[in-house]
Structures are given as C-alpha cells and as structure tokens.
C-alpha cells in the first residue's frame, strides 16, 4: 500500500500487505473485497485485468481500478 501526496505525486509511505484470505476455499473474492474496502483506498492497481467479486465490490464503492504499467506490482 502506498500513500501518495496528491500535489507532487510523491510516495509518502509504502507498506506491503499480505492478503489474509489467500487460503480461503470459498467466498475469497468477497472477503478480499471487503478487506480492501476497510483500507479506504482511492484506487487499486492490479497486475492484470481482473473481473471478479472483489473488483466488482471496489468499483461499486467508487474505487478506481488501474492496471499496473510496470513490474513494481507483484502478483502474489
């Protein structure tokens, strides 16, 4: 997760978060979506286009979904 200053676009803080639901056998997308919404993001950057429950929840809440343009985003 990055906190970015809007005016200068400078990264103020960077933190790696581990998906707490990566081993969930059911409802993983719903659980991840709710968890991400608790973080109150303005936008989420994904390594590839993803249409699923988590993405739908984020879009419905008004969170901007962007595709990564570089290798900085890990697909884990």
Protein backbone atom coordinates (compact mmCIF):
# COMPACT_ATOMS: atom_id res chain seq x y z
CA UNK A 1 0.00 0.00 0.00
CA UNK A 2 1.30 3.42 -0.90
CA UNK A 3 0.31 6.77 0.48
CA UNK A 4 0.93 9.38 -2.21
CA UNK A 5 0.88 13.15 -1.88
CA UNK A 6 -1.67 14.35 -4.43
CA UNK A 7 0.06 17.59 -5.46
CA UNK A 8 3.62 16.32 -6.02
CA UNK A 9 2.71 12.66 -6.63
CA UNK A 10 5.50 11.78 -4.16
CA UNK A 11 5.26 8.50 -2.23
CA UNK A 12 4.96 9.38 1.45
CA UNK A 13 4.67 5.85 2.81
CA UNK A 14 4.94 2.36 1.36
CA UNK A 15 3.82 -0.84 3.06
CA UNK A 16 3.44 -4.44 1.83
CA UNK A 17 0.22 -6.10 2.93
CA UNK A 18 -0.45 -9.82 2.82
CA UNK A 19 -3.90 -10.96 1.76
CA UNK A 20 -5.38 -12.50 4.93
CA UNK A 21 -7.78 -14.59 2.83
CA UNK A 22 -5.37 -16.13 0.34
CA UNK A 23 -6.13 -19.64 1.62
CA UNK A 24 -9.92 -19.25 1.86
CA UNK A 25 -11.63 -22.01 -0.08
CA UNK A 26 -14.92 -20.18 -0.58
CA UNK A 27 -16.01 -16.54 -0.88
CA UNK A 28 -12.39 -15.41 -1.30
CA UNK A 29 -13.27 -12.57 -3.69
CA UNK A 30 -15.97 -11.25 -1.37
CA UNK A 31 -13.69 -11.43 1.68
CA UNK A 32 -10.79 -9.74 -0.12
CA UNK A 33 -13.08 -7.03 -1.48
CA UNK A 34 -14.45 -6.25 1.97
CA UNK A 35 -10.94 -6.23 3.46
CA UNK A 36 -9.69 -3.83 0.78
CA UNK A 37 -12.67 -1.53 1.31
CA UNK A 38 -11.80 -1.37 5.04
CA UNK A 39 -8.48 0.19 3.96
CA UNK A 40 -10.45 3.02 2.27
CA UNK A 41 -8.45 3.17 -0.98
CA UNK A 42 -8.91 5.85 -3.63
CA UNK A 43 -7.56 3.45 -6.25
CA UNK A 44 -6.28 -0.10 -6.54
CA UNK A 45 -3.58 -1.13 -9.02
CA UNK A 46 -3.79 -4.68 -10.37
CA UNK A 47 -1.12 -6.63 -12.28
CA UNK A 48 -3.73 -7.73 -14.86
CA UNK A 49 -7.36 -7.08 -15.71
CA UNK A 50 -9.46 -8.92 -13.18
CA UNK A 51 -13.24 -9.18 -13.23
CA UNK A 52 -14.49 -10.85 -10.09
CA UNK A 53 -16.31 -10.24 -6.85
CA UNK A 54 -13.52 -8.18 -5.24
CA UNK A 55 -13.19 -5.92 -8.30
CA UNK A 56 -16.97 -5.54 -8.52
CA UNK A 57 -17.20 -4.51 -4.84
CA UNK A 58 -14.42 -1.97 -5.28
CA UNK A 59 -15.93 -0.49 -8.45
CA UNK A 60 -19.38 -0.31 -6.84
CA UNK A 61 -17.85 1.63 -3.93
CA UNK A 62 -16.28 4.11 -6.35
CA UNK A 63 -12.70 2.87 -6.06
CA UNK A 64 -10.69 3.45 -9.25
CA UNK A 65 -9.19 0.23 -10.66
CA UNK A 66 -5.96 0.67 -12.66
CA UNK A 67 -3.71 -1.78 -14.44
CA UNK A 68 -0.02 -1.80 -13.48
CA UNK A 69 2.30 -0.38 -16.12
CA UNK A 70 5.50 -1.76 -14.63
CA UNK A 71 6.84 -4.72 -12.69
CA UNK A 72 6.54 -2.94 -9.35
CA UNK A 73 3.21 -4.67 -8.60
CA UNK A 74 3.73 -8.27 -7.54
CA UNK A 75 1.21 -10.91 -8.47
CA UNK A 76 1.18 -12.95 -5.28
